[in-house]
Amino acid sequence: MNRTPDMLDQSLAHEIEEARKLLEIMGDDLAADLDVITKHCTSLQTIDIVMQILGHIANVVRSTDRKGTVDGIGMHDLKMKLLPAALDSERRAAAACEKAA
């Protein structure tokens, strides 16, 4: 079931993407310092994971096919967390269309 993202969806996706970009800049700055890499390698990897999650969430929010977008997420844990809500949303949208018809 496809939907049309509204202005709030588009604004939210944009702000999530901007936050992801800020994290990317910060992570790149930190990764340029060998001492930081040595001392905080796990934290730098966590920043990368958070950036990936934010990117996927932004894509879902702006998508016209949220379930399809969730299905395309390569991060298994995130996909499994989002899939039940995406399926529920798709079922509700289909039920609303049937009721309207």
PDB file of N, CA and C in Angstrom:
ATOM      1  N   MET A   1       0.853  -1.182   0.000  1.00  0.00           N
ATOM      2  CA  MET A   1       0.000   0.000   0.000  1.00  0.00           C
ATOM      3  C   MET A   1       0.891   1.235   0.000  1.00  0.00           C
ATOM      4  N   ASN A   2       0.769   2.044  -1.006  1.00  0.00           N
ATOM      5  CA  ASN A   2       1.560   3.263  -1.108  1.00  0.00           C
ATOM      6  C   ASN A   2       0.847   4.420  -0.433  1.00  0.00           C
ATOM      7  N   ARG A   3       1.613   5.360   0.033  1.00  0.00           N
ATOM      8  CA  ARG A   3       1.086   6.547   0.693  1.00  0.00           C
ATOM      9  C   ARG A   3       1.874   7.739   0.186  1.00  0.00           C
ATOM     10  N   THR A   4       1.344   8.906   0.408  1.00  0.00           N
ATOM     11  CA  THR A   4       2.042  10.122   0.028  1.00  0.00           C
ATOM     12  C   THR A   4       2.570  10.788   1.284  1.00  0.00           C
ATOM     13  N   PRO A   5       3.898  10.892   1.416  1.00  0.00           N
ATOM     14  CA  PRO A   5       4.444  11.569   2.594  1.00  0.00           C
ATOM     15  C   PRO A   5       3.983  13.023   2.624  1.00  0.00           C
ATOM     16  N   ASP A   6       3.541  13.472   3.802  1.00  0.00           N
ATOM     17  CA  ASP A   6       3.105  14.857   3.908  1.00  0.00           C
ATOM     18  C   ASP A   6       4.298  15.760   4.252  1.00  0.00           C
ATOM     19  N   MET A   7       4.010  17.041   4.439  1.00  0.00           N
ATOM     20  CA  MET A   7       5.090  17.996   4.710  1.00  0.00           C
ATOM     21  C   MET A   7       5.826  17.659   6.004  1.00  0.00           C
ATOM     22  N   LEU A   8       5.106  17.182   7.022  1.00  0.00           N
ATOM     23  CA  LEU A   8       5.760  16.816   8.273  1.00  0.00           C
ATOM     24  C   LEU A   8       6.700  15.640   8.053  1.00  0.00           C
ATOM     25  N   ASP A   9       6.256  14.627   7.311  1.00  0.00           N
ATOM     26  CA  ASP A   9       7.130  13.495   6.997  1.00  0.00           C
ATOM     27  C   ASP A   9       8.409  13.967   6.307  1.00  0.00           C
ATOM     28  N   GLN A  10       8.241  14.839   5.321  1.00  0.00           N
ATOM     29  CA  GLN A  10       9.400  15.338   4.576  1.00  0.00           C
ATOM     30  C   GLN A  10      10.328  16.149   5.488  1.00  0.00           C
ATOM     31  N   SER A  11       9.741  16.973   6.348  1.00  0.00           N
ATOM     32  CA  SER A  11      10.555  17.784   7.275  1.00  0.00           C
ATOM     33  C   SER A  11      11.284  16.901   8.276  1.00  0.00           C
ATOM     34  N   LEU A  12      10.585  15.903   8.819  1.00  0.00           N
ATOM     35  CA  LEU A  12      11.223  14.988   9.765  1.00  0.00           C
ATOM     36  C   LEU A  12      12.374  14.227   9.104  1.00  0.00           C
ATOM     37  N   ALA A  13      12.131  13.715   7.908  1.00  0.00           N
ATOM     38  CA  ALA A  13      13.178  12.986   7.194  1.00  0.00           C
ATOM     39  C   ALA A  13      14.385  13.882   6.938  1.00  0.00           C
ATOM     40  N   HIS A  14      14.126  15.124   6.575  1.00  0.00           N
ATOM     41  CA  HIS A  14      15.214  16.074   6.327  1.00  0.00           C
ATOM     42  C   HIS A  14      16.031  16.308   7.601  1.00  0.00           C
ATOM     43  N   GLU A  15      15.353  16.524   8.728  1.00  0.00           N
ATOM     44  CA  GLU A  15      16.058  16.786   9.990  1.00  0.00           C
ATOM     45  C   GLU A  15      16.832  15.563  10.472  1.00  0.00           C
ATOM     46  N   ILE A  16      16.270  14.386  10.275  1.00  0.00           N
ATOM     47  CA  ILE A  16      16.986  13.154  10.633  1.00  0.00           C
ATOM     48  C   ILE A  16      18.238  13.027   9.779  1.00  0.00           C
ATOM     49  N   GLU A  17      18.115  13.316   8.507  1.00  0.00           N
ATOM     50  CA  GLU A  17      19.265  13.252   7.597  1.00  0.00           C
ATOM     51  C   GLU A  17      20.321  14.289   7.974  1.00  0.00           C
ATOM     52  N   GLU A  18      19.885  15.475   8.373  1.00  0.00           N
ATOM     53  CA  GLU A  18      20.839  16.510   8.813  1.00  0.00           C
ATOM     54  C   GLU A  18      21.586  16.052  10.076  1.00  0.00           C
ATOM     55  N   ALA A  19      20.878  15.429  11.017  1.00  0.00           N
ATOM     56  CA  ALA A  19      21.527  14.908  12.227  1.00  0.00           C
ATOM     57  C   ALA A  19      22.535  13.819  11.848  1.00  0.00           C
ATOM     58  N   ARG A  20      22.176  12.979  10.881  1.00  0.00           N
ATOM     59  CA  ARG A  20      23.093  11.934  10.422  1.00  0.00           C
ATOM     60  C   ARG A  20      24.361  12.541   9.828  1.00  0.00           C
ATOM     61  N   LYS A  21      24.181  13.601   9.054  1.00  0.00           N
ATOM     62  CA  LYS A  21      25.338  14.267   8.447  1.00  0.00           C
ATOM     63  C   LYS A  21      26.251  14.889   9.506  1.00  0.00           C
ATOM     64  N   LEU A  22      25.659  15.480  10.551  1.00  0.00           N
ATOM     65  CA  LEU A  22      26.470  16.043  11.641  1.00  0.00           C
ATOM     66  C   LEU A  22      27.275  14.955  12.344  1.00  0.00           C
ATOM     67  N   LEU A  23      26.644  13.816  12.574  1.00  0.00           N
ATOM     68  CA  LEU A  23      27.370  12.692  13.173  1.00  0.00           C
ATOM     69  C   LEU A  23      28.501  12.222  12.267  1.00  0.00           C
ATOM     70  N   GLU A  24      28.248  12.222  10.972  1.00  0.00           N
ATOM     71  CA  GLU A  24      29.274  11.802  10.018  1.00  0.00           C
ATOM     72  C   GLU A  24      30.482  12.742  10.077  1.00  0.00           C
ATOM     73  N   ILE A  25      30.221  14.037  10.117  1.00  0.00           N
ATOM     74  CA  ILE A  25      31.310  15.017  10.204  1.00  0.00           C
ATOM     75  C   ILE A  25      32.091  14.812  11.499  1.00  0.00           C
ATOM     76  N   MET A  26      31.365  14.652  12.611  1.00  0.00           N
ATOM     77  CA  MET A  26      32.022  14.435  13.890  1.00  0.00           C
ATOM     78  C   MET A  26      32.848  13.149  13.863  1.00  0.00           C
ATOM     79  N   GLY A  27      32.265  12.080  13.346  1.00  0.00           N
ATOM     80  CA  GLY A  27      32.988  10.811  13.269  1.00  0.00           C
ATOM     81  C   GLY A  27      34.234  10.907  12.410  1.00  0.00           C
ATOM     82  N   ASP A  28      34.142  11.612  11.278  1.00  0.00           N
ATOM     83  CA  ASP A  28      35.307  11.795  10.415  1.00  0.00           C
ATOM     84  C   ASP A  28      36.396  12.590  11.119  1.00  0.00           C
ATOM     85  N   ASP A  29      35.994  13.638  11.833  1.00  0.00           N
ATOM     86  CA  ASP A  29      36.969  14.433  12.590  1.00  0.00           C
ATOM     87  C   ASP A  29      37.668  13.581  13.638  1.00  0.00           C
ATOM     88  N   LEU A  30      36.896  12.807  14.373  1.00  0.00           N
ATOM     89  CA  LEU A  30      37.480  11.964  15.420  1.00  0.00           C
ATOM     90  C   LEU A  30      38.363  10.868  14.835  1.00  0.00           C
ATOM     91  N   ALA A  31      37.939  10.299  13.720  1.00  0.00           N
ATOM     92  CA  ALA A  31      38.693   9.216  13.094  1.00  0.00           C
ATOM     93  C   ALA A  31      39.994   9.700  12.459  1.00  0.00           C
ATOM     94  N   ALA A  32      40.145  11.007  12.318  1.00  0.00           N
ATOM     95  CA  ALA A  32      41.381  11.552  11.755  1.00  0.00           C
ATOM     96  C   ALA A  32      42.502  11.584  12.799  1.00  0.00           C
ATOM     97  N   ASP A  33      42.176  11.328  14.050  1.00  0.00           N
ATOM     98  CA  ASP A  33      43.151  11.366  15.144  1.00  0.00           C
ATOM     99  C   ASP A  33      43.468   9.934  15.568  1.00  0.00           C
ATOM    100  N   LEU A  34      44.710   9.504  15.343  1.00  0.00           N
ATOM    101  CA  LEU A  34      45.127   8.132  15.643  1.00  0.00           C
ATOM    102  C   LEU A  34      44.947   7.789  17.114  1.00  0.00           C
ATOM    103  N   ASP A  35      45.200   8.754  18.003  1.00  0.00           N
ATOM    104  CA  ASP A  35      45.010   8.495  19.435  1.00  0.00           C
ATOM    105  C   ASP A  35      43.533   8.222  19.751  1.00  0.00           C
ATOM    106  N   VAL A  36      42.643   8.984  19.134  1.00  0.00           N
ATOM    107  CA  VAL A  36      41.211   8.779  19.351  1.00  0.00           C
ATOM    108  C   VAL A  36      40.795   7.403  18.829  1.00  0.00           C
ATOM    109  N   ILE A  37      41.282   7.054  17.655  1.00  0.00           N
ATOM    110  CA  ILE A  37      40.963   5.740  17.086  1.00  0.00           C
ATOM    111  C   ILE A  37      41.429   4.634  18.027  1.00  0.00           C
ATOM    112  N   THR A  38      42.633   4.763  18.515  1.00  0.00           N
ATOM    113  CA  THR A  38      43.201   3.744  19.406  1.00  0.00           C
ATOM    114  C   THR A  38      42.381   3.613  20.689  1.00  0.00           C
ATOM    115  N   LYS A  39      42.001   4.726  21.264  1.00  0.00           N
ATOM    116  CA  LYS A  39      41.308   4.707  22.552  1.00  0.00           C
ATOM    117  C   LYS A  39      39.808   4.473  22.427  1.00  0.00           C
ATOM    118  N   HIS A  40      39.209   4.849  21.301  1.00  0.00           N
ATOM    119  CA  HIS A  40      37.754   4.856  21.203  1.00  0.00           C
ATOM    120  C   HIS A  40      37.220   4.171  19.942  1.00  0.00           C
ATOM    121  N   CYS A  41      37.873   3.125  19.522  1.00  0.00           N
ATOM    122  CA  CYS A  41      37.478   2.433  18.288  1.00  0.00           C
ATOM    123  C   CYS A  41      36.023   1.957  18.352  1.00  0.00           C
ATOM    124  N   THR A  42      35.615   1.362  19.453  1.00  0.00           N
ATOM    125  CA  THR A  42      34.249   0.856  19.585  1.00  0.00           C
ATOM    126  C   THR A  42      33.238   1.996  19.522  1.00  0.00           C
ATOM    127  N   SER A  43      33.547   3.113  20.154  1.00  0.00           N
ATOM    128  CA  SER A  43      32.641   4.265  20.116  1.00  0.00           C
ATOM    129  C   SER A  43      32.516   4.814  18.704  1.00  0.00           C
ATOM    130  N   LEU A  44      33.613   4.834  17.955  1.00  0.00           N
ATOM    131  CA  LEU A  44      33.559   5.301  16.567  1.00  0.00           C
ATOM    132  C   LEU A  44      32.699   4.365  15.719  1.00  0.00           C
ATOM    133  N   GLN A  45      32.784   3.080  15.986  1.00  0.00           N
ATOM    134  CA  GLN A  45      31.936   2.130  15.262  1.00  0.00           C
ATOM    135  C   GLN A  45      30.465   2.342  15.624  1.00  0.00           C
ATOM    136  N   THR A  46      30.207   2.684  16.880  1.00  0.00           N
ATOM    137  CA  THR A  46      28.841   2.955  17.310  1.00  0.00           C
ATOM    138  C   THR A  46      28.288   4.181  16.592  1.00  0.00           C
ATOM    139  N   ILE A  47      29.116   5.203  16.428  1.00  0.00           N
ATOM    140  CA  ILE A  47      28.685   6.392  15.679  1.00  0.00           C
ATOM    141  C   ILE A  47      28.278   5.989  14.263  1.00  0.00           C
ATOM    142  N   ASP A  48      29.052   5.116  13.643  1.00  0.00           N
ATOM    143  CA  ASP A  48      28.733   4.657  12.289  1.00  0.00           C
ATOM    144  C   ASP A  48      27.408   3.906  12.263  1.00  0.00           C
ATOM    145  N   ILE A  49      27.173   3.069  13.250  1.00  0.00           N
ATOM    146  CA  ILE A  49      25.919   2.314  13.313  1.00  0.00           C
ATOM    147  C   ILE A  49      24.737   3.269  13.491  1.00  0.00           C
ATOM    148  N   VAL A  50      24.876   4.261  14.362  1.00  0.00           N
ATOM    149  CA  VAL A  50      23.812   5.242  14.576  1.00  0.00           C
ATOM    150  C   VAL A  50      23.539   6.003  13.280  1.00  0.00           C
ATOM    151  N   MET A  51      24.578   6.350  12.545  1.00  0.00           N
ATOM    152  CA  MET A  51      24.385   7.043  11.266  1.00  0.00           C
ATOM    153  C   MET A  51      23.592   6.173  10.294  1.00  0.00           C
ATOM    154  N   GLN A  52      23.900   4.882  10.251  1.00  0.00           N
ATOM    155  CA  GLN A  52      23.165   3.976   9.370  1.00  0.00           C
ATOM    156  C   GLN A  52      21.695   3.890   9.774  1.00  0.00           C
ATOM    157  N   ILE A  53      21.447   3.764  11.078  1.00  0.00           N
ATOM    158  CA  ILE A  53      20.072   3.684  11.570  1.00  0.00           C
ATOM    159  C   ILE A  53      19.299   4.947  11.202  1.00  0.00           C
ATOM    160  N   LEU A  54      19.895   6.108  11.438  1.00  0.00           N
ATOM    161  CA  LEU A  54      19.233   7.368  11.116  1.00  0.00           C
ATOM    162  C   LEU A  54      18.935   7.472   9.621  1.00  0.00           C
ATOM    163  N   GLY A  55      19.867   7.040   8.797  1.00  0.00           N
ATOM    164  CA  GLY A  55      19.643   7.061   7.346  1.00  0.00           C
ATOM    165  C   GLY A  55      18.469   6.183   6.947  1.00  0.00           C
ATOM    166  N   HIS A  56      18.392   4.987   7.529  1.00  0.00           N
ATOM    167  CA  HIS A  56      17.273   4.088   7.220  1.00  0.00           C
ATOM    168  C   HIS A  56      15.946   4.671   7.697  1.00  0.00           C
ATOM    169  N   ILE A  57      15.935   5.230   8.903  1.00  0.00           N
ATOM    170  CA  ILE A  57      14.703   5.810   9.427  1.00  0.00           C
ATOM    171  C   ILE A  57      14.241   6.975   8.542  1.00  0.00           C
ATOM    172  N   ALA A  58      15.170   7.821   8.132  1.00  0.00           N
ATOM    173  CA  ALA A  58      14.809   8.942   7.246  1.00  0.00           C
ATOM    174  C   ALA A  58      14.200   8.412   5.948  1.00  0.00           C
ATOM    175  N   ASN A  59      14.781   7.356   5.409  1.00  0.00           N
ATOM    176  CA  ASN A  59      14.245   6.774   4.173  1.00  0.00           C
ATOM    177  C   ASN A  59      12.827   6.245   4.366  1.00  0.00           C
ATOM    178  N   VAL A  60      12.565   5.603   5.510  1.00  0.00           N
ATOM    179  CA  VAL A  60      11.224   5.075   5.779  1.00  0.00           C
ATOM    180  C   VAL A  60      10.226   6.218   5.924  1.00  0.00           C
ATOM    181  N   VAL A  61      10.608   7.255   6.655  1.00  0.00           N
ATOM    182  CA  VAL A  61       9.696   8.377   6.898  1.00  0.00           C
ATOM    183  C   VAL A  61       9.296   9.051   5.596  1.00  0.00           C
ATOM    184  N   ARG A  62      10.229   9.197   4.659  1.00  0.00           N
ATOM    185  CA  ARG A  62       9.915   9.909   3.414  1.00  0.00           C
ATOM    186  C   ARG A  62       9.365   8.990   2.321  1.00  0.00           C
ATOM    187  N   SER A  63       9.308   7.709   2.580  1.00  0.00           N
ATOM    188  CA  SER A  63       8.930   6.741   1.553  1.00  0.00           C
ATOM    189  C   SER A  63       7.442   6.753   1.237  1.00  0.00           C
ATOM    190  N   THR A  64       7.124   6.477  -0.018  1.00  0.00           N
ATOM    191  CA  THR A  64       5.735   6.266  -0.407  1.00  0.00           C
ATOM    192  C   THR A  64       5.329   4.811  -0.161  1.00  0.00           C
ATOM    193  N   ASP A  65       6.304   3.929   0.028  1.00  0.00           N
ATOM    194  CA  ASP A  65       6.065   2.501   0.290  1.00  0.00           C
ATOM    195  C   ASP A  65       6.881   2.113   1.524  1.00  0.00           C
ATOM    196  N   ARG A  66       6.352   2.444   2.694  1.00  0.00           N
ATOM    197  CA  ARG A  66       7.114   2.229   3.927  1.00  0.00           C
ATOM    198  C   ARG A  66       7.447   0.759   4.152  1.00  0.00           C
ATOM    199  N   LYS A  67       6.502  -0.150   3.935  1.00  0.00           N
ATOM    200  CA  LYS A  67       6.800  -1.567   4.144  1.00  0.00           C
ATOM    201  C   LYS A  67       7.903  -2.021   3.195  1.00  0.00           C
ATOM    202  N   GLY A  68       7.807  -1.617   1.942  1.00  0.00           N
ATOM    203  CA  GLY A  68       8.844  -1.982   0.982  1.00  0.00           C
ATOM    204  C   GLY A  68      10.201  -1.418   1.367  1.00  0.00           C
ATOM    205  N   THR A  69      10.203  -0.199   1.887  1.00  0.00           N
ATOM    206  CA  THR A  69      11.456   0.418   2.322  1.00  0.00           C
ATOM    207  C   THR A  69      12.017  -0.320   3.531  1.00  0.00           C
ATOM    208  N   VAL A  70      11.147  -0.683   4.476  1.00  0.00           N
ATOM    209  CA  VAL A  70      11.595  -1.466   5.639  1.00  0.00           C
ATOM    210  C   VAL A  70      12.139  -2.816   5.168  1.00  0.00           C
ATOM    211  N   ASP A  71      11.457  -3.450   4.226  1.00  0.00           N
ATOM    212  CA  ASP A  71      11.935  -4.735   3.690  1.00  0.00           C
ATOM    213  C   ASP A  71      13.338  -4.608   3.097  1.00  0.00           C
ATOM    214  N   GLY A  72      13.668  -3.435   2.575  1.00  0.00           N
ATOM    215  CA  GLY A  72      14.967  -3.224   1.943  1.00  0.00           C
ATOM    216  C   GLY A  72      16.096  -2.872   2.901  1.00  0.00           C
ATOM    217  N   ILE A  73      15.790  -2.730   4.180  1.00  0.00           N
ATOM    218  CA  ILE A  73      16.835  -2.387   5.155  1.00  0.00           C
ATOM    219  C   ILE A  73      17.757  -3.581   5.335  1.00  0.00           C
ATOM    220  N   GLY A  74      19.050  -3.345   5.207  1.00  0.00           N
ATOM    221  CA  GLY A  74      20.035  -4.414   5.338  1.00  0.00           C
ATOM    222  C   GLY A  74      20.419  -4.742   6.774  1.00  0.00           C
ATOM    223  N   MET A  75      20.110  -3.860   7.694  1.00  0.00           N
ATOM    224  CA  MET A  75      20.420  -4.105   9.107  1.00  0.00           C
ATOM    225  C   MET A  75      19.302  -4.974   9.686  1.00  0.00           C
ATOM    226  N   HIS A  76      19.580  -6.257   9.868  1.00  0.00           N
ATOM    227  CA  HIS A  76      18.560  -7.227  10.258  1.00  0.00           C
ATOM    228  C   HIS A  76      17.822  -6.829  11.534  1.00  0.00           C
ATOM    229  N   ASP A  77      18.543  -6.434  12.575  1.00  0.00           N
ATOM    230  CA  ASP A  77      17.893  -6.086  13.845  1.00  0.00           C
ATOM    231  C   ASP A  77      16.924  -4.924  13.674  1.00  0.00           C
ATOM    232  N   LEU A  78      17.342  -3.889  12.964  1.00  0.00           N
ATOM    233  CA  LEU A  78      16.474  -2.738  12.739  1.00  0.00           C
ATOM    234  C   LEU A  78      15.258  -3.146  11.921  1.00  0.00           C
ATOM    235  N   LYS A  79      15.480  -3.926  10.865  1.00  0.00           N
ATOM    236  CA  LYS A  79      14.365  -4.377  10.028  1.00  0.00           C
ATOM    237  C   LYS A  79      13.347  -5.144  10.869  1.00  0.00           C
ATOM    238  N   MET A  80      13.813  -6.039  11.739  1.00  0.00           N
ATOM    239  CA  MET A  80      12.905  -6.841  12.548  1.00  0.00           C
ATOM    240  C   MET A  80      12.150  -5.987  13.570  1.00  0.00           C
ATOM    241  N   LYS A  81      12.758  -4.904  14.030  1.00  0.00           N
ATOM    242  CA  LYS A  81      12.079  -4.000  14.950  1.00  0.00           C
ATOM    243  C   LYS A  81      10.988  -3.194  14.241  1.00  0.00           C
ATOM    244  N   LEU A  82      11.247  -2.794  13.007  1.00  0.00           N
ATOM    245  CA  LEU A  82      10.321  -1.926  12.274  1.00  0.00           C
ATOM    246  C   LEU A  82       9.241  -2.687  11.511  1.00  0.00           C
ATOM    247  N   LEU A  83       9.521  -3.925  11.140  1.00  0.00           N
ATOM    248  CA  LEU A  83       8.608  -4.674  10.278  1.00  0.00           C
ATOM    249  C   LEU A  83       7.209  -4.834  10.866  1.00  0.00           C
ATOM    250  N   PRO A  84       7.023  -5.186  12.149  1.00  0.00           N
ATOM    251  CA  PRO A  84       5.655  -5.311  12.660  1.00  0.00           C
ATOM    252  C   PRO A  84       4.855  -4.009  12.528  1.00  0.00           C
ATOM    253  N   ALA A  85       5.467  -2.887  12.807  1.00  0.00           N
ATOM    254  CA  ALA A  85       4.770  -1.598  12.689  1.00  0.00           C
ATOM    255  C   ALA A  85       4.470  -1.285  11.229  1.00  0.00           C
ATOM    256  N   ALA A  86       5.389  -1.610  10.331  1.00  0.00           N
ATOM    257  CA  ALA A  86       5.163  -1.365   8.904  1.00  0.00           C
ATOM    258  C   ALA A  86       4.008  -2.226   8.387  1.00  0.00           C
ATOM    259  N   LEU A  87       3.962  -3.484   8.822  1.00  0.00           N
ATOM    260  CA  LEU A  87       2.862  -4.366   8.411  1.00  0.00           C
ATOM    261  C   LEU A  87       1.534  -3.874   8.967  1.00  0.00           C
ATOM    262  N   ASP A  88       1.524  -3.435  10.222  1.00  0.00           N
ATOM    263  CA  ASP A  88       0.302  -2.910  10.834  1.00  0.00           C
ATOM    264  C   ASP A  88      -0.175  -1.663  10.097  1.00  0.00           C
ATOM    265  N   SER A  89       0.738  -0.786   9.781  1.00  0.00           N
ATOM    266  CA  SER A  89       0.391   0.438   9.050  1.00  0.00           C
ATOM    267  C   SER A  89      -0.194   0.108   7.683  1.00  0.00           C
ATOM    268  N   GLU A  90       0.407  -0.864   7.014  1.00  0.00           N
ATOM    269  CA  GLU A  90      -0.086  -1.274   5.699  1.00  0.00           C
ATOM    270  C   GLU A  90      -1.494  -1.872   5.814  1.00  0.00           C
ATOM    271  N   ARG A  91      -1.727  -2.694   6.842  1.00  0.00           N
ATOM    272  CA  ARG A  91      -3.055  -3.289   7.041  1.00  0.00           C
ATOM    273  C   ARG A  91      -4.105  -2.215   7.329  1.00  0.00           C
ATOM    274  N   ARG A  92      -3.742  -1.236   8.152  1.00  0.00           N
ATOM    275  CA  ARG A  92      -4.696  -0.172   8.480  1.00  0.00           C
ATOM    276  C   ARG A  92      -5.035   0.670   7.251  1.00  0.00           C
ATOM    277  N   ALA A  93      -4.033   0.961   6.455  1.00  0.00           N
ATOM    278  CA  ALA A  93      -4.272   1.745   5.240  1.00  0.00           C
ATOM    279  C   ALA A  93      -5.179   0.981   4.275  1.00  0.00           C
ATOM    280  N   ALA A  94      -4.956  -0.325   4.146  1.00  0.00           N
ATOM    281  CA  ALA A  94      -5.792  -1.134   3.260  1.00  0.00           C
ATOM    282  C   ALA A  94      -7.221  -1.185   3.780  1.00  0.00           C
ATOM    283  N   ALA A  95      -7.383  -1.318   5.094  1.00  0.00           N
ATOM    284  CA  ALA A  95      -8.726  -1.359   5.691  1.00  0.00           C
ATOM    285  C   ALA A  95      -9.438  -0.020   5.498  1.00  0.00           C
ATOM    286  N   ALA A  96      -8.712   1.085   5.620  1.00  0.00           N
ATOM    287  CA  ALA A  96      -9.320   2.404   5.418  1.00  0.00           C
ATOM    288  C   ALA A  96      -9.770   2.571   3.964  1.00  0.00           C
ATOM    289  N   CYS A  97      -8.985   2.053   3.026  1.00  0.00           N
ATOM    290  CA  CYS A  97      -9.362   2.145   1.608  1.00  0.00           C
ATOM    291  C   CYS A  97     -10.604   1.300   1.330  1.00  0.00           C
ATOM    292  N   GLU A  98     -10.658   0.118   1.917  1.00  0.00           N
ATOM    293  CA  GLU A  98     -11.830  -0.742   1.715  1.00  0.00           C
ATOM    294  C   GLU A  98     -13.064  -0.105   2.316  1.00  0.00           C
ATOM    295  N   LYS A  99     -12.928   0.492   3.487  1.00  0.00           N
ATOM    296  CA  LYS A  99     -14.061   1.129   4.150  1.00  0.00           C
ATOM    297  C   LYS A  99     -14.560   2.319   3.343  1.00  0.00           C
ATOM    298  N   ALA A 100     -13.635   3.058   2.748  1.00  0.00           N
ATOM    299  CA  ALA A 100     -13.997   4.233   1.956  1.00  0.00           C
ATOM    300  C   ALA A 100     -14.677   3.858   0.645  1.00  0.00           C
ATOM    301  N   ALA A 101     -14.391   2.651   0.165  1.00  0.00           N
ATOM    302  CA  ALA A 101     -14.933   2.235  -1.136  1.00  0.00           C
ATOM    303  C   ALA A 101     -16.330   1.767  -1.066  1.00  0.00           C
TER     304      ALA A 101
END
